[in-house]
Amino acid sequence: MKVTDKHNERVANMIFGSVYPHYINRIVKNGRTEEELHQVIEWLTGFDSKKLQKVIDDKVTIEQFFKMANLHPNAHLIKGVVCGYRIEEIDNDVTRQARYMDKLVDELARGRKMEKILRKI
């Protein structure tokens, strides 16, 4: 699928705190823990649990979230299709970074081993 400007704008303006509960529900119903989710988020963004809670409380948008993040140097190794979009073909930084997060949550929910999720080489 082709990513449109309208789609990019919609993703950028979403509040991270409104998406986060969906991540929790997805991983918990598949037998993973909130701590594992926090480990994945911290790997990708550098946000520990305390910083993550502040971001949620402050109602930060996805765009602001990723501007504040210190993206992991191996994030570019996250590839594949999520939500119908091939991650490596997305040229908008915010949308691509949001899909990185979606892909990691998807892998966690599917039971992938943590060392694979965290792209340990």
N, C-alpha and C. Protein backbone atom coordinates (compact mmCIF):
# COMPACT_ATOMS: atom_id res chain seq x y z
N MET A 1 0.84 -1.19 0.00
CA MET A 1 0.00 0.00 0.00
C MET A 1 0.88 1.25 0.00
N LYS A 2 0.37 2.28 -0.59
CA LYS A 2 1.09 3.55 -0.66
C LYS A 2 0.72 4.41 0.53
N VAL A 3 1.73 4.96 1.18
CA VAL A 3 1.52 5.86 2.32
C VAL A 3 1.24 7.25 1.77
N THR A 4 0.10 7.84 2.16
CA THR A 4 -0.27 9.16 1.68
C THR A 4 0.09 10.23 2.72
N ASP A 5 0.09 11.48 2.28
CA ASP A 5 0.35 12.59 3.21
C ASP A 5 -0.71 12.64 4.30
N LYS A 6 -1.95 12.35 3.93
CA LYS A 6 -3.05 12.35 4.91
C LYS A 6 -2.80 11.27 5.97
N HIS A 7 -2.37 10.11 5.53
CA HIS A 7 -2.05 9.02 6.46
C HIS A 7 -0.91 9.42 7.40
N ASN A 8 0.15 10.01 6.83
CA ASN A 8 1.29 10.46 7.63
C ASN A 8 0.86 11.47 8.69
N GLU A 9 0.00 12.40 8.29
CA GLU A 9 -0.48 13.42 9.23
C GLU A 9 -1.32 12.79 10.34
N ARG A 10 -2.15 11.84 9.97
CA ARG A 10 -3.00 11.17 10.96
C ARG A 10 -2.15 10.41 11.98
N VAL A 11 -1.13 9.70 11.51
CA VAL A 11 -0.23 8.96 12.40
C VAL A 11 0.50 9.94 13.32
N ALA A 12 1.05 11.01 12.76
CA ALA A 12 1.84 11.98 13.53
C ALA A 12 1.02 12.62 14.64
N ASN A 13 -0.28 12.84 14.40
CA ASN A 13 -1.12 13.55 15.37
C ASN A 13 -1.81 12.65 16.38
N MET A 14 -1.64 11.33 16.27
CA MET A 14 -2.22 10.43 17.26
C MET A 14 -1.51 10.63 18.59
N ILE A 15 -2.25 10.50 19.68
CA ILE A 15 -1.66 10.62 21.01
C ILE A 15 -1.09 9.25 21.39
N PHE A 16 0.20 9.22 21.77
CA PHE A 16 0.83 7.95 22.11
C PHE A 16 0.06 7.22 23.21
N GLY A 17 -0.40 7.96 24.21
CA GLY A 17 -1.14 7.36 25.32
C GLY A 17 -2.44 6.69 24.91
N SER A 18 -2.98 7.05 23.74
CA SER A 18 -4.20 6.39 23.26
C SER A 18 -3.88 5.08 22.54
N VAL A 19 -2.66 4.94 22.06
CA VAL A 19 -2.22 3.73 21.36
C VAL A 19 -1.67 2.70 22.35
N TYR A 20 -1.00 3.19 23.37
CA TYR A 20 -0.31 2.34 24.34
C TYR A 20 -1.21 1.25 24.94
N PRO A 21 -2.46 1.55 25.37
CA PRO A 21 -3.31 0.48 25.93
C PRO A 21 -3.57 -0.66 24.93
N HIS A 22 -3.61 -0.32 23.65
CA HIS A 22 -3.80 -1.36 22.62
C HIS A 22 -2.57 -2.28 22.55
N TYR A 23 -1.39 -1.70 22.72
CA TYR A 23 -0.17 -2.51 22.78
C TYR A 23 -0.24 -3.47 23.97
N ILE A 24 -0.61 -2.93 25.12
CA ILE A 24 -0.72 -3.75 26.34
C ILE A 24 -1.70 -4.90 26.13
N ASN A 25 -2.90 -4.57 25.66
CA ASN A 25 -3.92 -5.61 25.44
C ASN A 25 -3.43 -6.69 24.49
N ARG A 26 -2.78 -6.27 23.42
CA ARG A 26 -2.32 -7.23 22.41
C ARG A 26 -1.31 -8.21 22.98
N ILE A 27 -0.34 -7.70 23.72
CA ILE A 27 0.72 -8.59 24.20
C ILE A 27 0.26 -9.45 25.38
N VAL A 28 -0.57 -8.88 26.26
CA VAL A 28 -1.04 -9.63 27.43
C VAL A 28 -1.94 -10.79 27.01
N LYS A 29 -2.83 -10.55 26.05
CA LYS A 29 -3.73 -11.64 25.62
C LYS A 29 -2.96 -12.76 24.92
N ASN A 30 -1.72 -12.47 24.52
CA ASN A 30 -0.88 -13.48 23.89
C ASN A 30 0.20 -14.01 24.83
N GLY A 31 0.03 -13.77 26.14
CA GLY A 31 0.90 -14.38 27.13
C GLY A 31 2.21 -13.66 27.41
N ARG A 32 2.37 -12.43 26.92
CA ARG A 32 3.58 -11.66 27.21
C ARG A 32 3.27 -10.66 28.32
N THR A 33 4.30 -10.00 28.84
CA THR A 33 4.10 -9.13 29.99
C THR A 33 4.33 -7.66 29.62
N GLU A 34 3.79 -6.81 30.48
CA GLU A 34 3.99 -5.37 30.31
C GLU A 34 5.47 -5.02 30.45
N GLU A 35 6.18 -5.75 31.31
CA GLU A 35 7.62 -5.53 31.47
C GLU A 35 8.36 -5.81 30.17
N GLU A 36 7.95 -6.86 29.47
CA GLU A 36 8.58 -7.16 28.17
C GLU A 36 8.29 -6.05 27.17
N LEU A 37 7.08 -5.54 27.19
CA LEU A 37 6.74 -4.43 26.30
C LEU A 37 7.61 -3.22 26.61
N HIS A 38 7.78 -2.92 27.90
CA HIS A 38 8.62 -1.79 28.29
C HIS A 38 10.07 -2.00 27.85
N GLN A 39 10.54 -3.23 27.91
CA GLN A 39 11.89 -3.54 27.45
C GLN A 39 12.03 -3.24 25.96
N VAL A 40 11.04 -3.61 25.18
CA VAL A 40 11.04 -3.38 23.74
C VAL A 40 10.99 -1.87 23.45
N ILE A 41 10.11 -1.16 24.14
CA ILE A 41 9.98 0.28 23.93
C ILE A 41 11.28 1.00 24.32
N GLU A 42 11.87 0.57 25.43
CA GLU A 42 13.12 1.20 25.87
C GLU A 42 14.23 0.93 24.86
N TRP A 43 14.28 -0.28 24.31
CA TRP A 43 15.30 -0.59 23.30
C TRP A 43 15.15 0.35 22.10
N LEU A 44 13.91 0.52 21.61
CA LEU A 44 13.68 1.32 20.41
C LEU A 44 13.88 2.81 20.66
N THR A 45 13.38 3.31 21.80
CA THR A 45 13.30 4.75 22.02
C THR A 45 14.26 5.31 23.06
N GLY A 46 14.74 4.46 23.96
CA GLY A 46 15.55 4.93 25.07
C GLY A 46 14.72 5.37 26.27
N PHE A 47 13.39 5.29 26.18
CA PHE A 47 12.52 5.70 27.28
C PHE A 47 12.39 4.58 28.30
N ASP A 48 12.79 4.85 29.55
CA ASP A 48 12.55 3.88 30.61
C ASP A 48 11.08 4.01 31.04
N SER A 49 10.65 3.17 31.97
CA SER A 49 9.24 3.14 32.39
C SER A 49 8.77 4.49 32.94
N LYS A 50 9.64 5.17 33.67
CA LYS A 50 9.30 6.46 34.27
C LYS A 50 9.07 7.51 33.17
N LYS A 51 9.98 7.59 32.21
CA LYS A 51 9.86 8.53 31.10
C LYS A 51 8.66 8.19 30.23
N LEU A 52 8.42 6.91 30.04
CA LEU A 52 7.27 6.46 29.25
C LEU A 52 5.97 6.92 29.90
N GLN A 53 5.87 6.78 31.22
CA GLN A 53 4.67 7.21 31.94
C GLN A 53 4.47 8.72 31.81
N LYS A 54 5.56 9.47 31.85
CA LYS A 54 5.45 10.93 31.70
C LYS A 54 4.93 11.28 30.31
N VAL A 55 5.43 10.60 29.30
CA VAL A 55 4.98 10.83 27.92
C VAL A 55 3.47 10.55 27.81
N ILE A 56 3.03 9.49 28.45
CA ILE A 56 1.61 9.13 28.43
C ILE A 56 0.79 10.20 29.17
N ASP A 57 1.25 10.59 30.35
CA ASP A 57 0.54 11.59 31.16
C ASP A 57 0.47 12.95 30.47
N ASP A 58 1.52 13.29 29.71
CA ASP A 58 1.58 14.59 29.03
C ASP A 58 0.83 14.60 27.70
N LYS A 59 0.22 13.47 27.34
CA LYS A 59 -0.55 13.37 26.09
C LYS A 59 0.26 13.80 24.86
N VAL A 60 1.44 13.25 24.77
CA VAL A 60 2.38 13.53 23.68
C VAL A 60 1.90 12.84 22.41
N THR A 61 2.01 13.53 21.27
CA THR A 61 1.65 12.92 19.99
C THR A 61 2.75 11.95 19.56
N ILE A 62 2.42 11.12 18.60
CA ILE A 62 3.41 10.18 18.05
C ILE A 62 4.60 10.95 17.47
N GLU A 63 4.33 12.05 16.79
CA GLU A 63 5.42 12.84 16.23
C GLU A 63 6.33 13.38 17.34
N GLN A 64 5.75 13.94 18.38
CA GLN A 64 6.55 14.45 19.51
C GLN A 64 7.30 13.31 20.19
N PHE A 65 6.62 12.18 20.33
CA PHE A 65 7.21 11.01 20.98
C PHE A 65 8.51 10.61 20.30
N PHE A 66 8.47 10.50 18.98
CA PHE A 66 9.67 10.06 18.26
C PHE A 66 10.71 11.17 18.13
N LYS A 67 10.29 12.44 18.20
CA LYS A 67 11.28 13.52 18.22
C LYS A 67 12.04 13.51 19.54
N MET A 68 11.38 13.14 20.62
CA MET A 68 12.00 13.06 21.95
C MET A 68 12.84 11.80 22.10
N ALA A 69 12.55 10.79 21.30
CA ALA A 69 13.20 9.48 21.43
C ALA A 69 14.64 9.52 20.94
N ASN A 70 15.41 8.61 21.49
CA ASN A 70 16.78 8.39 21.03
C ASN A 70 16.75 7.02 20.34
N LEU A 71 16.39 7.01 19.07
CA LEU A 71 16.16 5.76 18.34
C LEU A 71 17.41 4.88 18.34
N HIS A 72 17.19 3.60 18.59
CA HIS A 72 18.29 2.63 18.64
C HIS A 72 18.99 2.58 17.28
N PRO A 73 20.33 2.49 17.26
CA PRO A 73 21.06 2.45 15.99
C PRO A 73 20.70 1.25 15.11
N ASN A 74 20.16 0.18 15.70
CA ASN A 74 19.78 -0.99 14.89
C ASN A 74 18.31 -0.98 14.49
N ALA A 75 17.62 0.13 14.72
CA ALA A 75 16.20 0.20 14.37
C ALA A 75 15.98 -0.03 12.87
N HIS A 76 16.95 0.38 12.06
CA HIS A 76 16.82 0.20 10.61
C HIS A 76 16.75 -1.28 10.21
N LEU A 77 17.11 -2.17 11.14
CA LEU A 77 17.04 -3.61 10.85
C LEU A 77 15.62 -4.16 10.97
N ILE A 78 14.69 -3.34 11.45
CA ILE A 78 13.29 -3.76 11.56
C ILE A 78 12.68 -3.65 10.17
N LYS A 79 12.30 -4.79 9.64
CA LYS A 79 11.77 -4.85 8.27
C LYS A 79 10.52 -5.70 8.26
N GLY A 80 9.80 -5.64 7.17
CA GLY A 80 8.62 -6.47 7.02
C GLY A 80 7.38 -5.64 6.79
N VAL A 81 6.24 -6.31 6.83
CA VAL A 81 4.95 -5.66 6.58
C VAL A 81 4.18 -5.57 7.89
N VAL A 82 3.65 -4.39 8.14
CA VAL A 82 2.78 -4.20 9.30
C VAL A 82 1.66 -3.26 8.87
N CYS A 83 0.45 -3.63 9.21
CA CYS A 83 -0.74 -2.84 8.85
C CYS A 83 -0.82 -2.61 7.34
N GLY A 84 -0.32 -3.56 6.57
CA GLY A 84 -0.39 -3.48 5.12
C GLY A 84 0.70 -2.65 4.47
N TYR A 85 1.63 -2.13 5.25
CA TYR A 85 2.70 -1.29 4.73
C TYR A 85 4.04 -1.97 4.92
N ARG A 86 4.86 -1.97 3.88
CA ARG A 86 6.22 -2.49 3.98
C ARG A 86 7.07 -1.40 4.62
N ILE A 87 7.60 -1.69 5.80
CA ILE A 87 8.29 -0.69 6.61
C ILE A 87 9.44 -0.02 5.85
N GLU A 88 10.24 -0.82 5.19
CA GLU A 88 11.42 -0.27 4.53
C GLU A 88 11.08 0.62 3.33
N GLU A 89 9.82 0.64 2.89
CA GLU A 89 9.41 1.51 1.78
C GLU A 89 8.76 2.80 2.24
N ILE A 90 8.57 2.97 3.54
CA ILE A 90 7.94 4.18 4.07
C ILE A 90 9.01 5.28 4.15
N ASP A 91 8.76 6.39 3.43
CA ASP A 91 9.78 7.44 3.41
C ASP A 91 9.55 8.54 4.44
N ASN A 92 8.41 8.57 5.08
CA ASN A 92 8.15 9.55 6.14
C ASN A 92 8.72 9.00 7.45
N ASP A 93 9.63 9.76 8.08
CA ASP A 93 10.32 9.27 9.28
C ASP A 93 9.37 8.91 10.42
N VAL A 94 8.41 9.78 10.72
CA VAL A 94 7.51 9.54 11.85
C VAL A 94 6.67 8.29 11.61
N THR A 95 6.11 8.17 10.42
CA THR A 95 5.29 7.00 10.10
C THR A 95 6.13 5.73 10.15
N ARG A 96 7.34 5.77 9.60
CA ARG A 96 8.22 4.60 9.62
C ARG A 96 8.56 4.21 11.06
N GLN A 97 8.87 5.19 11.90
CA GLN A 97 9.20 4.91 13.29
C GLN A 97 8.01 4.35 14.05
N ALA A 98 6.82 4.86 13.77
CA ALA A 98 5.60 4.32 14.39
C ALA A 98 5.40 2.87 13.96
N ARG A 99 5.68 2.57 12.71
CA ARG A 99 5.55 1.19 12.22
C ARG A 99 6.64 0.29 12.80
N TYR A 100 7.81 0.85 13.08
CA TYR A 100 8.83 0.08 13.80
C TYR A 100 8.24 -0.41 15.12
N MET A 101 7.62 0.51 15.86
CA MET A 101 7.03 0.16 17.15
C MET A 101 5.95 -0.89 16.96
N ASP A 102 5.08 -0.69 15.98
CA ASP A 102 4.01 -1.66 15.72
C ASP A 102 4.58 -3.04 15.42
N LYS A 103 5.64 -3.08 14.62
CA LYS A 103 6.26 -4.35 14.24
C LYS A 103 6.86 -5.06 15.45
N LEU A 104 7.53 -4.30 16.33
CA LEU A 104 8.11 -4.90 17.52
C LEU A 104 7.03 -5.45 18.45
N VAL A 105 5.94 -4.71 18.60
CA VAL A 105 4.83 -5.19 19.43
C VAL A 105 4.22 -6.45 18.80
N ASP A 106 4.09 -6.45 17.50
CA ASP A 106 3.57 -7.62 16.79
C ASP A 106 4.46 -8.84 17.02
N GLU A 107 5.76 -8.66 16.90
CA GLU A 107 6.69 -9.77 17.12
C GLU A 107 6.63 -10.26 18.56
N LEU A 108 6.50 -9.35 19.51
CA LEU A 108 6.38 -9.73 20.91
C LEU A 108 5.11 -10.54 21.13
N ALA A 109 4.01 -10.07 20.58
CA ALA A 109 2.73 -10.77 20.74
C ALA A 109 2.74 -12.15 20.08
N ARG A 110 3.50 -12.30 19.03
CA ARG A 110 3.56 -13.58 18.32
C ARG A 110 4.52 -14.58 18.97
N GLY A 111 5.17 -14.15 20.05
CA GLY A 111 6.01 -15.07 20.79
C GLY A 111 7.45 -15.15 20.33
N ARG A 112 7.87 -14.21 19.52
CA ARG A 112 9.27 -14.21 19.07
C ARG A 112 10.20 -14.01 20.25
N LYS A 113 11.37 -14.61 20.20
CA LYS A 113 12.34 -14.49 21.28
C LYS A 113 12.84 -13.05 21.37
N MET A 114 13.05 -12.61 22.62
CA MET A 114 13.45 -11.23 22.87
C MET A 114 14.73 -10.84 22.17
N GLU A 115 15.73 -11.75 22.11
CA GLU A 115 16.98 -11.38 21.45
C GLU A 115 16.78 -11.14 19.95
N LYS A 116 15.80 -11.80 19.35
CA LYS A 116 15.48 -11.55 17.93
C LYS A 116 14.74 -10.22 17.77
N ILE A 117 13.80 -9.96 18.68
CA ILE A 117 13.05 -8.71 18.63
C ILE A 117 13.98 -7.52 18.76
N LEU A 118 14.96 -7.63 19.66
CA LEU A 118 15.88 -6.53 19.94
C LEU A 118 17.04 -6.47 18.95
N ARG A 119 16.95 -7.23 17.89
CA ARG A 119 17.92 -7.21 16.80
C ARG A 119 19.35 -7.32 17.29
N LYS A 120 19.58 -8.30 18.20
CA LYS A 120 20.94 -8.53 18.69
C LYS A 120 21.71 -9.28 17.61
N ILE A 121 22.79 -8.69 17.21
CA ILE A 121 23.58 -9.25 16.10
C ILE A 121 24.68 -10.13 16.66
